[in-house]
């Protein structure tokens, strides 16, 4: 198995600060070319043609949604970690919910993307309810 993106890296760029990133805002996927230490440098390829070779869309909506979710998760964790009334047990429960939503609450016989969107929606709903508790 290999990483189809290598030697490319990618980031999500936004005019918004991470704490103001919202699902549905417009974001731009930017690509970074890492230093290539193997193979021949004779052949030139565009980012678009490289991605097309592996059926990866240039504007990968899943990648954007994944990063939007991560921004929300990170800012929520930062907001509540160490806050009065938020115990270590509450933080552990938050981490368990995050892990389950991102990595383990999926069924292989169902569409991954629909499950991901549902899991993130539920997770962010739980995060929204924390404001009422703390």
Protein backbone atom coordinates (compact mmCIF):
# COMPACT_ATOMS: atom_id res chain seq x y z
CA UNK A 1 0.00 0.00 0.00
CA UNK A 2 1.25 3.50 -0.78
CA UNK A 3 0.11 7.05 -0.29
CA UNK A 4 -1.36 8.19 -3.61
CA UNK A 5 -0.82 11.85 -2.73
CA UNK A 6 2.92 11.56 -2.08
CA UNK A 7 4.89 13.75 -2.84
CA UNK A 8 1.98 16.18 -2.57
CA UNK A 9 0.69 17.52 0.70
CA UNK A 10 -2.50 19.50 1.07
CA UNK A 11 -4.05 22.03 3.40
CA UNK A 12 -7.37 23.81 3.70
CA UNK A 13 -6.99 27.57 3.45
CA UNK A 14 -9.57 29.98 4.76
CA UNK A 15 -9.91 33.66 5.51
CA UNK A 16 -11.57 32.66 8.80
CA UNK A 17 -9.73 32.08 12.06
CA UNK A 18 -10.10 28.41 13.11
CA UNK A 19 -12.58 29.25 15.87
CA UNK A 20 -14.84 30.90 13.29
CA UNK A 21 -14.74 28.15 10.70
CA UNK A 22 -18.24 26.88 10.05
CA UNK A 23 -19.53 23.96 8.06
CA UNK A 24 -20.54 25.24 4.65
CA UNK A 25 -18.17 28.24 4.42
CA UNK A 26 -15.99 28.41 1.33
CA UNK A 27 -12.50 27.00 1.67
CA UNK A 28 -9.69 26.43 -0.74
CA UNK A 29 -7.61 23.27 -0.91
CA UNK A 30 -3.97 24.15 -1.51
CA UNK A 31 -1.28 21.68 -2.48
CA UNK A 32 2.32 21.55 -1.31
CA UNK A 33 5.06 19.76 -3.22
CA UNK A 34 7.44 17.98 -0.87
CA UNK A 35 11.06 17.39 -1.81
CA UNK A 36 11.28 14.34 -4.08
CA UNK A 37 14.15 12.01 -3.25
CA UNK A 38 13.33 9.03 -5.42
CA UNK A 39 12.45 8.28 -9.03
CA UNK A 40 13.28 10.31 -12.07
CA UNK A 41 12.79 14.04 -12.19
CA UNK A 42 12.55 13.97 -16.00
CA UNK A 43 8.76 13.65 -16.16
CA UNK A 44 6.73 16.76 -15.32
CA UNK A 45 3.15 16.50 -14.04
CA UNK A 46 0.57 19.00 -12.95
CA UNK A 47 -1.19 18.62 -9.61
CA UNK A 48 -4.44 18.02 -11.49
CA UNK A 49 -3.02 15.20 -13.62
CA UNK A 50 -1.36 13.59 -10.59
CA UNK A 51 -4.65 13.58 -8.69
CA UNK A 52 -6.58 12.33 -11.71
CA UNK A 53 -4.26 9.31 -11.89
CA UNK A 54 -5.63 8.24 -8.47
CA UNK A 55 -9.23 9.48 -8.91
CA UNK A 56 -8.77 12.13 -6.22
CA UNK A 57 -10.81 15.28 -6.90
CA UNK A 58 -8.88 18.57 -6.88
CA UNK A 59 -11.58 20.13 -4.69
CA UNK A 60 -12.04 17.10 -2.44
CA UNK A 61 -15.22 17.84 -0.47
CA UNK A 62 -14.54 15.07 2.04
CA UNK A 63 -11.11 16.54 2.81
CA UNK A 64 -12.71 19.95 3.36
CA UNK A 65 -15.45 18.52 5.61
CA UNK A 66 -12.87 16.50 7.55
CA UNK A 67 -10.85 19.66 8.22
CA UNK A 68 -13.93 21.69 9.13
CA UNK A 69 -14.81 19.01 11.67
CA UNK A 70 -11.26 18.99 13.05
CA UNK A 71 -11.30 22.78 13.45
CA UNK A 72 -14.55 22.56 15.40
CA UNK A 73 -13.26 19.70 17.55
CA UNK A 74 -10.00 21.45 18.36
CA UNK A 75 -11.67 24.73 19.30
CA UNK A 76 -14.23 22.89 21.46
CA UNK A 77 -11.54 20.94 23.30
CA UNK A 78 -9.56 24.15 23.85
CA UNK A 79 -12.68 25.91 25.11
CA UNK A 80 -13.57 23.29 27.74
CA UNK A 81 -10.21 21.84 28.79
CA UNK A 82 -9.44 23.29 32.22
CA UNK A 83 -12.72 25.20 32.42
CA UNK A 84 -14.35 25.33 35.88
CA UNK A 85 -16.74 22.43 36.33
CA UNK A 86 -15.30 20.39 33.46
CA UNK A 87 -13.78 17.39 35.18
CA UNK A 88 -11.25 14.94 33.83
CA UNK A 89 -14.11 12.45 33.43
CA UNK A 90 -16.03 14.91 31.24
CA UNK A 91 -12.93 15.42 29.08
CA UNK A 92 -12.45 11.65 28.80
CA UNK A 93 -16.07 11.33 27.69
CA UNK A 94 -15.50 14.04 25.09
CA UNK A 95 -12.42 12.25 23.74
CA UNK A 96 -14.29 8.94 23.60
CA UNK A 97 -17.15 10.55 21.70
CA UNK A 98 -14.71 12.15 19.27
CA UNK A 99 -12.90 8.87 18.68
CA UNK A 100 -16.13 6.97 18.11
CA UNK A 101 -17.52 9.61 15.75
CA UNK A 102 -14.38 9.95 13.66
CA UNK A 103 -12.99 6.43 13.60
CA UNK A 104 -15.12 3.59 14.88
CA UNK A 105 -18.85 4.19 14.45
CA UNK A 106 -19.03 3.01 10.84
CA UNK A 107 -20.54 0.02 9.09
CA UNK A 108 -18.72 -1.37 6.06
CA UNK A 109 -21.96 -2.27 4.24
CA UNK A 110 -23.18 1.36 4.32
CA UNK A 111 -21.98 4.44 2.45
CA UNK A 112 -19.00 5.90 4.31
CA UNK A 113 -19.62 9.56 3.42
CA UNK A 114 -23.24 9.52 4.61
CA UNK A 115 -22.14 7.92 7.88
CA UNK A 116 -19.34 10.44 8.29
CA UNK A 117 -21.69 13.39 7.78
CA UNK A 118 -24.20 11.90 10.21
CA UNK A 119 -21.51 11.21 12.83
CA UNK A 120 -20.08 14.73 12.57
CA UNK A 121 -23.54 16.27 12.77
CA UNK A 122 -24.28 14.31 15.95
CA UNK A 123 -20.87 15.12 17.43
CA UNK A 124 -21.25 18.85 16.81
CA UNK A 125 -24.74 18.67 18.30
CA UNK A 126 -23.26 17.20 21.48
CA UNK A 127 -20.67 19.98 21.52
CA UNK A 128 -23.41 22.61 21.15
CA UNK A 129 -25.21 21.17 24.18
CA UNK A 130 -22.07 21.60 26.30
CA UNK A 131 -22.67 25.36 26.40
CA UNK A 132 -25.91 24.72 28.29
CA UNK A 133 -24.12 22.50 30.79
CA UNK A 134 -20.99 24.55 31.45
